Amino acid sequence: MDTGAGGAMAEEQARLVAMARGRVQMVGYRDFVRRQAVSLRLRGYVLNLPSGEEVLVEAEGSRAALEELLLQLQRGPPLAAVQNVGVTWAQAAGQFPDFRVR
């Protein structure tokens, strides 16, 4: 089994569903998430929820890229104050053509 950087094994595709809570609305969080996701070549979306204190992120791509996105979700942009990020992992469904802010 080849697991090297130039290896023949395909990267595991996965789906991340994350709920960020705290001061994550009106602070540039969704645009921050979109930029991070696009740079990591992920597909999915980010959405403010009506509570005013939660943002939903659904993303698909390589498990490694999703784990990096999760680190960025926990950090957030400078004006955010992320209290916690709830996470669910699933198999990728291939339903997103790109990454969007909703």
N, C-alpha and C. Protein backbone atom coordinates (compact mmCIF):
# COMPACT_ATOMS: atom_id res chain seq x y z
N MET A 1 0.84 -1.17 0.00
CA MET A 1 0.00 0.00 0.00
C MET A 1 0.89 1.24 0.00
N ASP A 2 0.67 2.12 -0.96
CA ASP A 2 1.44 3.34 -1.08
C ASP A 2 0.71 4.48 -0.40
N THR A 3 1.33 5.07 0.63
CA THR A 3 0.70 6.18 1.34
C THR A 3 1.53 7.45 1.24
N GLY A 4 2.53 7.45 0.40
CA GLY A 4 3.39 8.62 0.23
C GLY A 4 2.69 9.76 -0.47
N ALA A 5 3.33 10.92 -0.49
CA ALA A 5 2.73 12.13 -1.07
C ALA A 5 2.38 11.94 -2.53
N GLY A 6 3.19 11.22 -3.26
CA GLY A 6 2.91 11.00 -4.67
C GLY A 6 2.29 9.65 -4.91
N GLY A 7 1.70 9.05 -3.87
CA GLY A 7 1.23 7.69 -3.92
C GLY A 7 0.04 7.47 -4.82
N ALA A 8 -0.19 6.19 -5.08
CA ALA A 8 -1.26 5.80 -5.98
C ALA A 8 -2.61 5.68 -5.28
N MET A 9 -2.62 5.68 -3.96
CA MET A 9 -3.87 5.53 -3.23
C MET A 9 -4.68 6.82 -3.31
N ALA A 10 -5.96 6.68 -3.61
CA ALA A 10 -6.84 7.85 -3.65
C ALA A 10 -7.09 8.33 -2.22
N GLU A 11 -7.20 9.66 -2.08
CA GLU A 11 -7.48 10.20 -0.77
C GLU A 11 -8.91 9.87 -0.38
N GLU A 12 -9.10 9.55 0.88
CA GLU A 12 -10.44 9.27 1.39
C GLU A 12 -11.30 10.53 1.30
N GLN A 13 -12.46 10.41 0.69
CA GLN A 13 -13.41 11.51 0.60
C GLN A 13 -14.39 11.39 1.77
N ALA A 14 -14.71 12.51 2.37
CA ALA A 14 -15.59 12.50 3.53
C ALA A 14 -16.46 13.74 3.53
N ARG A 15 -17.39 13.76 4.46
CA ARG A 15 -18.29 14.90 4.63
C ARG A 15 -18.19 15.37 6.07
N LEU A 16 -18.04 16.67 6.24
CA LEU A 16 -18.00 17.30 7.56
C LEU A 16 -19.25 18.16 7.71
N VAL A 17 -19.99 17.94 8.78
CA VAL A 17 -21.10 18.82 9.14
C VAL A 17 -20.71 19.44 10.48
N ALA A 18 -20.54 20.76 10.48
CA ALA A 18 -20.06 21.44 11.68
C ALA A 18 -20.99 22.59 12.05
N MET A 19 -21.20 22.76 13.35
CA MET A 19 -22.01 23.85 13.87
C MET A 19 -21.12 24.69 14.78
N ALA A 20 -20.78 25.90 14.30
CA ALA A 20 -19.96 26.80 15.09
C ALA A 20 -20.88 27.69 15.93
N ARG A 21 -20.56 27.82 17.21
CA ARG A 21 -21.37 28.63 18.12
C ARG A 21 -20.50 29.70 18.77
N GLY A 22 -21.14 30.82 19.06
CA GLY A 22 -20.45 31.93 19.71
C GLY A 22 -20.71 33.21 18.93
N ARG A 23 -19.74 34.11 18.94
CA ARG A 23 -19.85 35.33 18.13
C ARG A 23 -19.31 35.00 16.74
N VAL A 24 -20.20 34.44 15.92
CA VAL A 24 -19.81 33.96 14.59
C VAL A 24 -20.65 34.59 13.48
N GLN A 25 -21.55 35.49 13.84
CA GLN A 25 -22.33 36.21 12.83
C GLN A 25 -21.98 37.69 12.91
N MET A 26 -22.02 38.35 11.75
CA MET A 26 -21.69 39.78 11.63
C MET A 26 -20.22 40.09 11.93
N VAL A 27 -19.36 39.08 11.78
CA VAL A 27 -17.93 39.26 12.03
C VAL A 27 -17.08 38.75 10.86
N GLY A 28 -17.71 38.46 9.71
CA GLY A 28 -16.98 37.97 8.55
C GLY A 28 -16.70 36.48 8.59
N TYR A 29 -17.39 35.75 9.45
CA TYR A 29 -17.12 34.32 9.62
C TYR A 29 -17.43 33.51 8.36
N ARG A 30 -18.60 33.76 7.75
CA ARG A 30 -18.96 32.97 6.56
C ARG A 30 -17.97 33.19 5.42
N ASP A 31 -17.56 34.43 5.18
CA ASP A 31 -16.60 34.69 4.11
C ASP A 31 -15.25 34.06 4.44
N PHE A 32 -14.86 34.12 5.71
CA PHE A 32 -13.64 33.46 6.18
C PHE A 32 -13.69 31.96 5.87
N VAL A 33 -14.82 31.33 6.20
CA VAL A 33 -14.98 29.89 5.96
C VAL A 33 -14.91 29.60 4.47
N ARG A 34 -15.60 30.41 3.66
CA ARG A 34 -15.58 30.19 2.21
C ARG A 34 -14.16 30.26 1.66
N ARG A 35 -13.41 31.28 2.06
CA ARG A 35 -12.02 31.41 1.58
C ARG A 35 -11.18 30.20 1.98
N GLN A 36 -11.33 29.75 3.23
CA GLN A 36 -10.57 28.59 3.69
C GLN A 36 -10.96 27.35 2.89
N ALA A 37 -12.26 27.14 2.72
CA ALA A 37 -12.74 25.95 2.01
C ALA A 37 -12.29 25.93 0.56
N VAL A 38 -12.37 27.08 -0.10
CA VAL A 38 -11.93 27.16 -1.51
C VAL A 38 -10.44 26.87 -1.60
N SER A 39 -9.65 27.42 -0.69
CA SER A 39 -8.20 27.18 -0.74
C SER A 39 -7.86 25.71 -0.48
N LEU A 40 -8.74 25.01 0.24
CA LEU A 40 -8.53 23.59 0.52
C LEU A 40 -9.21 22.68 -0.50
N ARG A 41 -9.81 23.29 -1.53
CA ARG A 41 -10.47 22.56 -2.62
C ARG A 41 -11.65 21.71 -2.12
N LEU A 42 -12.41 22.30 -1.19
CA LEU A 42 -13.59 21.62 -0.66
C LEU A 42 -14.84 22.12 -1.36
N ARG A 43 -15.90 21.34 -1.26
CA ARG A 43 -17.20 21.70 -1.83
C ARG A 43 -18.23 21.69 -0.70
N GLY A 44 -19.22 22.58 -0.78
CA GLY A 44 -20.26 22.60 0.24
C GLY A 44 -20.81 23.99 0.43
N TYR A 45 -21.16 24.32 1.67
CA TYR A 45 -21.72 25.65 1.95
C TYR A 45 -21.54 26.03 3.42
N VAL A 46 -21.72 27.32 3.67
CA VAL A 46 -21.74 27.87 5.03
C VAL A 46 -22.98 28.74 5.12
N LEU A 47 -23.69 28.68 6.27
CA LEU A 47 -25.00 29.31 6.42
C LEU A 47 -25.18 29.84 7.84
N ASN A 48 -25.58 31.13 7.97
CA ASN A 48 -25.99 31.66 9.26
C ASN A 48 -27.31 31.02 9.66
N LEU A 49 -27.45 30.69 10.94
CA LEU A 49 -28.71 30.16 11.45
C LEU A 49 -29.47 31.26 12.19
N PRO A 50 -30.79 31.12 12.28
CA PRO A 50 -31.63 32.18 12.86
C PRO A 50 -31.32 32.55 14.30
N SER A 51 -30.66 31.69 15.05
CA SER A 51 -30.36 31.99 16.45
C SER A 51 -29.50 33.24 16.61
N GLY A 52 -28.75 33.59 15.56
CA GLY A 52 -27.84 34.73 15.64
C GLY A 52 -26.49 34.38 16.26
N GLU A 53 -26.35 33.16 16.75
CA GLU A 53 -25.11 32.75 17.40
C GLU A 53 -24.55 31.44 16.86
N GLU A 54 -25.08 31.00 15.71
CA GLU A 54 -24.64 29.73 15.14
C GLU A 54 -24.47 29.84 13.64
N VAL A 55 -23.47 29.11 13.14
CA VAL A 55 -23.23 29.01 11.70
C VAL A 55 -23.08 27.53 11.38
N LEU A 56 -23.78 27.09 10.34
CA LEU A 56 -23.71 25.71 9.88
C LEU A 56 -22.76 25.62 8.70
N VAL A 57 -21.88 24.62 8.73
CA VAL A 57 -20.96 24.36 7.62
C VAL A 57 -21.12 22.90 7.21
N GLU A 58 -21.36 22.67 5.93
CA GLU A 58 -21.34 21.33 5.37
C GLU A 58 -20.31 21.35 4.26
N ALA A 59 -19.34 20.45 4.34
CA ALA A 59 -18.26 20.44 3.37
C ALA A 59 -17.86 19.01 3.04
N GLU A 60 -17.45 18.81 1.79
CA GLU A 60 -16.97 17.52 1.34
C GLU A 60 -15.62 17.69 0.66
N GLY A 61 -14.80 16.65 0.80
CA GLY A 61 -13.49 16.63 0.18
C GLY A 61 -12.61 15.62 0.88
N SER A 62 -11.32 15.79 0.75
CA SER A 62 -10.41 14.84 1.40
C SER A 62 -10.49 15.01 2.92
N ARG A 63 -10.34 13.91 3.61
CA ARG A 63 -10.41 13.94 5.09
C ARG A 63 -9.36 14.90 5.65
N ALA A 64 -8.17 14.90 5.07
CA ALA A 64 -7.11 15.79 5.55
C ALA A 64 -7.50 17.26 5.40
N ALA A 65 -8.08 17.62 4.26
CA ALA A 65 -8.49 19.00 4.03
C ALA A 65 -9.63 19.39 4.97
N LEU A 66 -10.55 18.47 5.22
CA LEU A 66 -11.65 18.74 6.13
C LEU A 66 -11.16 18.93 7.56
N GLU A 67 -10.17 18.16 7.95
CA GLU A 67 -9.60 18.33 9.29
C GLU A 67 -8.91 19.69 9.43
N GLU A 68 -8.27 20.15 8.36
CA GLU A 68 -7.66 21.49 8.37
C GLU A 68 -8.76 22.55 8.45
N LEU A 69 -9.85 22.37 7.70
CA LEU A 69 -10.96 23.32 7.77
C LEU A 69 -11.51 23.37 9.19
N LEU A 70 -11.64 22.23 9.84
CA LEU A 70 -12.15 22.18 11.20
C LEU A 70 -11.28 23.02 12.14
N LEU A 71 -9.97 22.93 11.99
CA LEU A 71 -9.07 23.77 12.79
C LEU A 71 -9.35 25.25 12.56
N GLN A 72 -9.59 25.61 11.30
CA GLN A 72 -9.87 27.01 10.97
C GLN A 72 -11.24 27.44 11.51
N LEU A 73 -12.21 26.55 11.50
CA LEU A 73 -13.53 26.86 12.05
C LEU A 73 -13.43 27.17 13.55
N GLN A 74 -12.58 26.44 14.24
CA GLN A 74 -12.41 26.65 15.67
C GLN A 74 -11.69 27.96 15.96
N ARG A 75 -10.85 28.39 15.04
CA ARG A 75 -10.09 29.63 15.19
C ARG A 75 -10.93 30.84 14.79
N GLY A 76 -11.49 30.79 13.58
CA GLY A 76 -12.32 31.87 13.07
C GLY A 76 -11.51 33.11 12.69
N PRO A 77 -12.19 34.10 12.10
CA PRO A 77 -11.52 35.36 11.76
C PRO A 77 -11.28 36.20 13.02
N PRO A 78 -10.50 37.28 12.90
CA PRO A 78 -10.11 38.06 14.08
C PRO A 78 -11.26 38.57 14.96
N LEU A 79 -12.39 38.96 14.39
CA LEU A 79 -13.48 39.51 15.18
C LEU A 79 -14.41 38.46 15.79
N ALA A 80 -14.23 37.21 15.41
CA ALA A 80 -15.07 36.13 15.94
C ALA A 80 -14.61 35.70 17.32
N ALA A 81 -15.55 35.12 18.06
CA ALA A 81 -15.24 34.49 19.35
C ALA A 81 -15.97 33.15 19.34
N VAL A 82 -15.31 32.13 18.81
CA VAL A 82 -15.91 30.80 18.67
C VAL A 82 -15.88 30.11 20.03
N GLN A 83 -17.07 29.76 20.53
CA GLN A 83 -17.15 29.06 21.82
C GLN A 83 -16.93 27.57 21.64
N ASN A 84 -17.57 26.99 20.64
CA ASN A 84 -17.35 25.57 20.34
C ASN A 84 -17.82 25.26 18.93
N VAL A 85 -17.36 24.12 18.45
CA VAL A 85 -17.75 23.64 17.12
C VAL A 85 -18.17 22.18 17.28
N GLY A 86 -19.47 21.94 17.06
CA GLY A 86 -19.97 20.57 17.07
C GLY A 86 -19.71 19.94 15.71
N VAL A 87 -19.34 18.68 15.70
CA VAL A 87 -18.91 18.03 14.46
C VAL A 87 -19.58 16.68 14.27
N THR A 88 -19.99 16.42 13.04
CA THR A 88 -20.47 15.10 12.63
C THR A 88 -19.72 14.74 11.35
N TRP A 89 -19.21 13.51 11.28
CA TRP A 89 -18.54 13.02 10.08
C TRP A 89 -19.45 12.03 9.36
N ALA A 90 -19.39 12.04 8.03
CA ALA A 90 -20.18 11.10 7.22
C ALA A 90 -19.43 10.82 5.93
N GLN A 91 -19.99 9.93 5.12
CA GLN A 91 -19.43 9.67 3.80
C GLN A 91 -19.82 10.80 2.86
N ALA A 92 -18.93 11.13 1.96
CA ALA A 92 -19.22 12.15 0.96
C ALA A 92 -20.34 11.67 0.05
N ALA A 93 -21.26 12.59 -0.27
CA ALA A 93 -22.38 12.25 -1.15
C ALA A 93 -22.19 12.82 -2.55
N GLY A 94 -21.21 13.72 -2.71
CA GLY A 94 -20.93 14.30 -4.02
C GLY A 94 -22.01 15.23 -4.52
N GLN A 95 -22.73 15.89 -3.63
CA GLN A 95 -23.86 16.72 -4.06
C GLN A 95 -23.54 18.19 -4.25
N PHE A 96 -22.33 18.64 -3.94
CA PHE A 96 -21.98 20.05 -4.04
C PHE A 96 -21.03 20.29 -5.20
N PRO A 97 -21.34 21.26 -6.09
CA PRO A 97 -20.45 21.53 -7.21
C PRO A 97 -19.26 22.42 -6.83
N ASP A 98 -19.43 23.22 -5.76
CA ASP A 98 -18.39 24.15 -5.32
C ASP A 98 -18.68 24.52 -3.88
N PHE A 99 -18.03 25.57 -3.37
CA PHE A 99 -18.30 26.00 -1.99
C PHE A 99 -18.93 27.38 -2.02
N ARG A 100 -20.08 27.52 -1.33
CA ARG A 100 -20.84 28.76 -1.39
C ARG A 100 -21.24 29.27 -0.01
N VAL A 101 -21.47 30.57 0.06
CA VAL A 101 -22.10 31.18 1.21
C VAL A 101 -23.60 31.20 0.92
N ARG A 102 -24.37 30.70 1.85
CA ARG A 102 -25.84 30.72 1.68
C ARG A 102 -26.44 31.71 2.64
